[in-house]
PDB file of N, CA and C in Angstrom:
ATOM      1  N   MET A   1      15.083  12.512  32.181  1.00  0.00           N
ATOM      2  CA  MET A   1      15.185  12.365  30.740  1.00  0.00           C
ATOM      3  C   MET A   1      16.399  13.135  30.254  1.00  0.00           C
ATOM      4  N   GLY A   2      17.068  12.587  29.256  1.00  0.00           N
ATOM      5  CA  GLY A   2      18.297  13.196  28.763  1.00  0.00           C
ATOM      6  C   GLY A   2      18.059  14.421  27.907  1.00  0.00           C
ATOM      7  N   THR A   3      19.090  15.222  27.804  1.00  0.00           N
ATOM      8  CA  THR A   3      19.026  16.405  26.936  1.00  0.00           C
ATOM      9  C   THR A   3      20.211  16.412  25.993  1.00  0.00           C
ATOM     10  N   GLY A   4      20.774  15.255  25.742  1.00  0.00           N
ATOM     11  CA  GLY A   4      21.992  15.147  24.956  1.00  0.00           C
ATOM     12  C   GLY A   4      21.763  15.279  23.463  1.00  0.00           C
ATOM     13  N   ARG A   5      22.792  14.957  22.747  1.00  0.00           N
ATOM     14  CA  ARG A   5      22.824  15.115  21.294  1.00  0.00           C
ATOM     15  C   ARG A   5      21.756  14.283  20.589  1.00  0.00           C
ATOM     16  N   THR A   6      21.454  13.101  21.113  1.00  0.00           N
ATOM     17  CA  THR A   6      20.492  12.230  20.430  1.00  0.00           C
ATOM     18  C   THR A   6      19.107  12.842  20.355  1.00  0.00           C
ATOM     19  N   LEU A   7      18.769  13.709  21.277  1.00  0.00           N
ATOM     20  CA  LEU A   7      17.462  14.339  21.241  1.00  0.00           C
ATOM     21  C   LEU A   7      17.439  15.598  20.384  1.00  0.00           C
ATOM     22  N   ARG A   8      18.602  16.138  20.067  1.00  0.00           N
ATOM     23  CA  ARG A   8      18.671  17.356  19.239  1.00  0.00           C
ATOM     24  C   ARG A   8      18.865  17.039  17.762  1.00  0.00           C
ATOM     25  N   LYS A   9      19.285  15.821  17.451  1.00  0.00           N
ATOM     26  CA  LYS A   9      19.590  15.459  16.064  1.00  0.00           C
ATOM     27  C   LYS A   9      18.333  15.451  15.207  1.00  0.00           C
ATOM     28  N   GLU A  10      18.470  15.873  13.998  1.00  0.00           N
ATOM     29  CA  GLU A  10      17.398  15.748  13.021  1.00  0.00           C
ATOM     30  C   GLU A  10      17.780  14.664  12.026  1.00  0.00           C
ATOM     31  N   SER A  11      16.798  14.078  11.419  1.00  0.00           N
ATOM     32  CA  SER A  11      17.062  12.995  10.484  1.00  0.00           C
ATOM     33  C   SER A  11      17.401  13.576   9.114  1.00  0.00           C
ATOM     34  N   HIS A  12      18.672  13.666   8.823  1.00  0.00           N
ATOM     35  CA  HIS A  12      19.116  14.201   7.533  1.00  0.00           C
ATOM     36  C   HIS A  12      19.473  13.101   6.550  1.00  0.00           C
ATOM     37  N   VAL A  13      19.435  11.871   6.987  1.00  0.00           N
ATOM     38  CA  VAL A  13      19.882  10.793   6.115  1.00  0.00           C
ATOM     39  C   VAL A  13      18.723   9.977   5.559  1.00  0.00           C
ATOM     40  N   ARG A  14      17.498  10.317   5.900  1.00  0.00           N
ATOM     41  CA  ARG A  14      16.364   9.567   5.389  1.00  0.00           C
ATOM     42  C   ARG A  14      16.210   9.854   3.898  1.00  0.00           C
ATOM     43  N   PRO A  15      16.118   8.813   3.071  1.00  0.00           N
ATOM     44  CA  PRO A  15      16.017   9.038   1.630  1.00  0.00           C
ATOM     45  C   PRO A  15      14.674   9.644   1.227  1.00  0.00           C
ATOM     46  N   CYS A  16      14.688  10.444   0.198  1.00  0.00           N
ATOM     47  CA  CYS A  16      13.470  11.050  -0.329  1.00  0.00           C
ATOM     48  C   CYS A  16      12.708  10.025  -1.155  1.00  0.00           C
ATOM     49  N   LYS A  17      11.396  10.115  -1.127  1.00  0.00           N
ATOM     50  CA  LYS A  17      10.584   9.238  -1.960  1.00  0.00           C
ATOM     51  C   LYS A  17      10.602   9.766  -3.393  1.00  0.00           C
ATOM     52  N   THR A  18      10.751   8.862  -4.338  1.00  0.00           N
ATOM     53  CA  THR A  18      10.822   9.254  -5.742  1.00  0.00           C
ATOM     54  C   THR A  18       9.563   8.791  -6.471  1.00  0.00           C
ATOM     55  N   PRO A  19       9.228   9.433  -7.567  1.00  0.00           N
ATOM     56  CA  PRO A  19       8.071   8.976  -8.355  1.00  0.00           C
ATOM     57  C   PRO A  19       8.230   7.543  -8.860  1.00  0.00           C
ATOM     58  N   ALA A  20       9.450   7.155  -9.193  1.00  0.00           N
ATOM     59  CA  ALA A  20       9.670   5.787  -9.660  1.00  0.00           C
ATOM     60  C   ALA A  20       9.392   4.781  -8.544  1.00  0.00           C
ATOM     61  N   GLY A  21       9.816   5.099  -7.343  1.00  0.00           N
ATOM     62  CA  GLY A  21       9.559   4.224  -6.208  1.00  0.00           C
ATOM     63  C   GLY A  21       8.078   4.118  -5.907  1.00  0.00           C
ATOM     64  N   LYS A  22       7.381   5.237  -6.038  1.00  0.00           N
ATOM     65  CA  LYS A  22       5.935   5.240  -5.802  1.00  0.00           C
ATOM     66  C   LYS A  22       5.229   4.367  -6.835  1.00  0.00           C
ATOM     67  N   ALA A  23       5.672   4.434  -8.081  1.00  0.00           N
ATOM     68  CA  ALA A  23       5.080   3.614  -9.129  1.00  0.00           C
ATOM     69  C   ALA A  23       5.334   2.134  -8.863  1.00  0.00           C
ATOM     70  N   GLN A  24       6.532   1.801  -8.379  1.00  0.00           N
ATOM     71  CA  GLN A  24       6.849   0.411  -8.061  1.00  0.00           C
ATOM     72  C   GLN A  24       5.974  -0.098  -6.917  1.00  0.00           C
ATOM     73  N   ARG A  25       5.790   0.715  -5.891  1.00  0.00           N
ATOM     74  CA  ARG A  25       4.953   0.307  -4.765  1.00  0.00           C
ATOM     75  C   ARG A  25       3.504   0.119  -5.202  1.00  0.00           C
ATOM     76  N   SER A  26       3.017   1.031  -6.034  1.00  0.00           N
ATOM     77  CA  SER A  26       1.642   0.944  -6.517  1.00  0.00           C
ATOM     78  C   SER A  26       1.437  -0.317  -7.354  1.00  0.00           C
ATOM     79  N   LYS A  27       2.402  -0.620  -8.195  1.00  0.00           N
ATOM     80  CA  LYS A  27       2.312  -1.813  -9.037  1.00  0.00           C
ATOM     81  C   LYS A  27       2.319  -3.084  -8.183  1.00  0.00           C
ATOM     82  N   ALA A  28       3.168  -3.109  -7.162  1.00  0.00           N
ATOM     83  CA  ALA A  28       3.245  -4.271  -6.278  1.00  0.00           C
ATOM     84  C   ALA A  28       1.948  -4.438  -5.492  1.00  0.00           C
ATOM     85  N   GLN A  29       1.360  -3.330  -5.038  1.00  0.00           N
ATOM     86  CA  GLN A  29       0.112  -3.398  -4.283  1.00  0.00           C
ATOM     87  C   GLN A  29      -1.023  -3.908  -5.155  1.00  0.00           C
ATOM     88  N   ARG A  30      -1.070  -3.450  -6.403  1.00  0.00           N
ATOM     89  CA  ARG A  30      -2.107  -3.930  -7.323  1.00  0.00           C
ATOM     90  C   ARG A  30      -1.946  -5.425  -7.593  1.00  0.00           C
ATOM     91  N   ALA A  31      -0.701  -5.872  -7.728  1.00  0.00           N
ATOM     92  CA  ALA A  31      -0.449  -7.295  -7.952  1.00  0.00           C
ATOM     93  C   ALA A  31      -0.899  -8.116  -6.748  1.00  0.00           C
ATOM     94  N   ARG A  32      -0.698  -7.590  -5.533  1.00  0.00           N
ATOM     95  CA  ARG A  32      -1.143  -8.284  -4.330  1.00  0.00           C
ATOM     96  C   ARG A  32      -2.658  -8.450  -4.310  1.00  0.00           C
ATOM     97  N   LEU A  33      -3.374  -7.404  -4.730  1.00  0.00           N
ATOM     98  CA  LEU A  33      -4.832  -7.491  -4.757  1.00  0.00           C
ATOM     99  C   LEU A  33      -5.305  -8.535  -5.768  1.00  0.00           C
ATOM    100  N   VAL A  34      -4.633  -8.614  -6.903  1.00  0.00           N
ATOM    101  CA  VAL A  34      -5.001  -9.618  -7.903  1.00  0.00           C
ATOM    102  C   VAL A  34      -4.746 -11.015  -7.348  1.00  0.00           C
ATOM    103  N   LYS A  35      -3.639 -11.190  -6.614  1.00  0.00           N
ATOM    104  CA  LYS A  35      -3.358 -12.494  -6.004  1.00  0.00           C
ATOM    105  C   LYS A  35      -4.375 -12.848  -4.937  1.00  0.00           C
ATOM    106  N   MET A  36      -4.945 -11.841  -4.282  1.00  0.00           N
ATOM    107  CA  MET A  36      -5.966 -12.100  -3.261  1.00  0.00           C
ATOM    108  C   MET A  36      -7.292 -12.524  -3.870  1.00  0.00           C
ATOM    109  N   GLY A  37      -7.466 -12.323  -5.181  1.00  0.00           N
ATOM    110  CA  GLY A  37      -8.668 -12.818  -5.831  1.00  0.00           C
ATOM    111  C   GLY A  37      -9.507 -11.788  -6.560  1.00  0.00           C
ATOM    112  N   LEU A  38      -9.138 -10.513  -6.480  1.00  0.00           N
ATOM    113  CA  LEU A  38      -9.898  -9.503  -7.216  1.00  0.00           C
ATOM    114  C   LEU A  38      -9.558  -9.569  -8.698  1.00  0.00           C
ATOM    115  N   ALA A  39     -10.483  -9.163  -9.544  1.00  0.00           N
ATOM    116  CA  ALA A  39     -10.265  -9.174 -10.987  1.00  0.00           C
ATOM    117  C   ALA A  39      -9.254  -8.098 -11.372  1.00  0.00           C
ATOM    118  N   ALA A  40      -8.384  -8.420 -12.320  1.00  0.00           N
ATOM    119  CA  ALA A  40      -7.324  -7.500 -12.723  1.00  0.00           C
ATOM    120  C   ALA A  40      -7.875  -6.212 -13.305  1.00  0.00           C
ATOM    121  N   ASP A  41      -8.937  -6.313 -14.103  1.00  0.00           N
ATOM    122  CA  ASP A  41      -9.503  -5.098 -14.685  1.00  0.00           C
ATOM    123  C   ASP A  41     -10.164  -4.223 -13.629  1.00  0.00           C
ATOM    124  N   GLU A  42     -10.740  -4.857 -12.616  1.00  0.00           N
ATOM    125  CA  GLU A  42     -11.353  -4.109 -11.515  1.00  0.00           C
ATOM    126  C   GLU A  42     -10.278  -3.374 -10.705  1.00  0.00           C
ATOM    127  N   VAL A  43      -9.155  -4.032 -10.473  1.00  0.00           N
ATOM    128  CA  VAL A  43      -8.050  -3.412  -9.730  1.00  0.00           C
ATOM    129  C   VAL A  43      -7.450  -2.272 -10.543  1.00  0.00           C
ATOM    130  N   ALA A  44      -7.355  -2.446 -11.849  1.00  0.00           N
ATOM    131  CA  ALA A  44      -6.784  -1.404 -12.705  1.00  0.00           C
ATOM    132  C   ALA A  44      -7.648  -0.146 -12.705  1.00  0.00           C
ATOM    133  N   ALA A  45      -8.956  -0.312 -12.500  1.00  0.00           N
ATOM    134  CA  ALA A  45      -9.859   0.842 -12.507  1.00  0.00           C
ATOM    135  C   ALA A  45      -9.846   1.605 -11.189  1.00  0.00           C
ATOM    136  N   MET A  46      -9.287   1.007 -10.121  1.00  0.00           N
ATOM    137  CA  MET A  46      -9.262   1.667  -8.807  1.00  0.00           C
ATOM    138  C   MET A  46      -8.207   2.764  -8.778  1.00  0.00           C
ATOM    139  N   ASP A  47      -8.447   3.774  -7.932  1.00  0.00           N
ATOM    140  CA  ASP A  47      -7.407   4.777  -7.736  1.00  0.00           C
ATOM    141  C   ASP A  47      -6.465   4.303  -6.628  1.00  0.00           C
ATOM    142  N   ALA A  48      -5.353   4.992  -6.481  1.00  0.00           N
ATOM    143  CA  ALA A  48      -4.279   4.557  -5.591  1.00  0.00           C
ATOM    144  C   ALA A  48      -4.726   4.489  -4.134  1.00  0.00           C
ATOM    145  N   ASP A  49      -5.590   5.396  -3.715  1.00  0.00           N
ATOM    146  CA  ASP A  49      -6.036   5.401  -2.321  1.00  0.00           C
ATOM    147  C   ASP A  49      -6.845   4.140  -1.992  1.00  0.00           C
ATOM    148  N   ASP A  50      -7.737   3.759  -2.898  1.00  0.00           N
ATOM    149  CA  ASP A  50      -8.543   2.561  -2.669  1.00  0.00           C
ATOM    150  C   ASP A  50      -7.667   1.310  -2.640  1.00  0.00           C
ATOM    151  N   VAL A  51      -6.691   1.259  -3.528  1.00  0.00           N
ATOM    152  CA  VAL A  51      -5.779   0.113  -3.567  1.00  0.00           C
ATOM    153  C   VAL A  51      -5.029   0.003  -2.247  1.00  0.00           C
ATOM    154  N   ARG A  52      -4.518   1.113  -1.759  1.00  0.00           N
ATOM    155  CA  ARG A  52      -3.741   1.106  -0.518  1.00  0.00           C
ATOM    156  C   ARG A  52      -4.602   0.674   0.669  1.00  0.00           C
ATOM    157  N   ILE A  53      -5.834   1.145   0.718  1.00  0.00           N
ATOM    158  CA  ILE A  53      -6.731   0.772   1.811  1.00  0.00           C
ATOM    159  C   ILE A  53      -7.037  -0.725   1.778  1.00  0.00           C
ATOM    160  N   LEU A  54      -7.307  -1.266   0.597  1.00  0.00           N
ATOM    161  CA  LEU A  54      -7.638  -2.687   0.498  1.00  0.00           C
ATOM    162  C   LEU A  54      -6.439  -3.576   0.794  1.00  0.00           C
ATOM    163  N   VAL A  55      -5.243  -3.145   0.421  1.00  0.00           N
ATOM    164  CA  VAL A  55      -4.057  -3.942   0.713  1.00  0.00           C
ATOM    165  C   VAL A  55      -3.835  -4.018   2.221  1.00  0.00           C
ATOM    166  N   GLN A  56      -4.189  -2.963   2.928  1.00  0.00           N
ATOM    167  CA  GLN A  56      -4.020  -2.949   4.377  1.00  0.00           C
ATOM    168  C   GLN A  56      -5.047  -3.815   5.088  1.00  0.00           C
ATOM    169  N   ARG A  57      -6.152  -4.147   4.422  1.00  0.00           N
ATOM    170  CA  ARG A  57      -7.227  -4.913   5.054  1.00  0.00           C
ATOM    171  C   ARG A  57      -7.586  -6.141   4.212  1.00  0.00           C
ATOM    172  N   PRO A  58      -6.778  -7.201   4.300  1.00  0.00           N
ATOM    173  CA  PRO A  58      -7.033  -8.384   3.475  1.00  0.00           C
ATOM    174  C   PRO A  58      -8.339  -9.099   3.809  1.00  0.00           C
ATOM    175  N   THR A  59      -8.836  -8.976   5.038  1.00  0.00           N
ATOM    176  CA  THR A  59     -10.105  -9.633   5.364  1.00  0.00           C
ATOM    177  C   THR A  59     -11.258  -9.005   4.595  1.00  0.00           C
ATOM    178  N   VAL A  60     -11.181  -7.700   4.367  1.00  0.00           N
ATOM    179  CA  VAL A  60     -12.213  -7.022   3.576  1.00  0.00           C
ATOM    180  C   VAL A  60     -12.173  -7.527   2.140  1.00  0.00           C
ATOM    181  N   VAL A  61     -10.972  -7.741   1.620  1.00  0.00           N
ATOM    182  CA  VAL A  61     -10.830  -8.236   0.247  1.00  0.00           C
ATOM    183  C   VAL A  61     -11.411  -9.641   0.139  1.00  0.00           C
ATOM    184  N   LYS A  62     -11.141 -10.483   1.140  1.00  0.00           N
ATOM    185  CA  LYS A  62     -11.679 -11.842   1.108  1.00  0.00           C
ATOM    186  C   LYS A  62     -13.201 -11.821   1.118  1.00  0.00           C
ATOM    187  N   LYS A  63     -13.802 -10.914   1.894  1.00  0.00           N
ATOM    188  CA  LYS A  63     -15.253 -10.800   1.935  1.00  0.00           C
ATOM    189  C   LYS A  63     -15.799 -10.335   0.587  1.00  0.00           C
ATOM    190  N   LEU A  64     -15.109  -9.386  -0.061  1.00  0.00           N
ATOM    191  CA  LEU A  64     -15.541  -8.914  -1.381  1.00  0.00           C
ATOM    192  C   LEU A  64     -15.499 -10.037  -2.408  1.00  0.00           C
ATOM    193  N   VAL A  65     -14.430 -10.812  -2.378  1.00  0.00           N
ATOM    194  CA  VAL A  65     -14.280 -11.908  -3.331  1.00  0.00           C
ATOM    195  C   VAL A  65     -15.344 -12.977  -3.091  1.00  0.00           C
ATOM    196  N   ALA A  66     -15.613 -13.280  -1.825  1.00  0.00           N
ATOM    197  CA  ALA A  66     -16.634 -14.281  -1.505  1.00  0.00           C
ATOM    198  C   ALA A  66     -18.019 -13.820  -1.918  1.00  0.00           C
ATOM    199  N   LYS A  67     -18.296 -12.530  -1.745  1.00  0.00           N
ATOM    200  CA  LYS A  67     -19.602 -11.988  -2.119  1.00  0.00           C
ATOM    201  C   LYS A  67     -19.800 -12.052  -3.635  1.00  0.00           C
ATOM    202  N   LYS A  68     -18.736 -11.784  -4.405  1.00  0.00           N
ATOM    203  CA  LYS A  68     -18.859 -11.807  -5.869  1.00  0.00           C
ATOM    204  C   LYS A  68     -18.912 -13.242  -6.392  1.00  0.00           C
ATOM    205  N   ALA A  69     -18.384 -14.200  -5.647  1.00  0.00           N
ATOM    206  CA  ALA A  69     -18.393 -15.596  -6.077  1.00  0.00           C
ATOM    207  C   ALA A  69     -19.785 -16.204  -5.986  1.00  0.00           C
ATOM    208  N   LYS A  70     -20.623 -15.635  -5.116  1.00  0.00           N
ATOM    209  CA  LYS A  70     -21.981 -16.181  -4.948  1.00  0.00           C
ATOM    210  C   LYS A  70     -22.868 -15.875  -6.105  1.00  0.00           C
TER     211      LYS A  70
END
């Protein structure tokens, strides 16, 4: 295994996350959930952690929507 410069370098060029970027991502994730079939008011009442978890698992969202449709 090498011991050259590539292994000693630190990532100094990675951009910092900004509050504006976080708000944009959150808004986009909420819009995705609404497109998947959840009610807009229900999505608006969720906190950011729940939104992020549901966006990562679309099959769970489909099951929730199907259960509420019955």
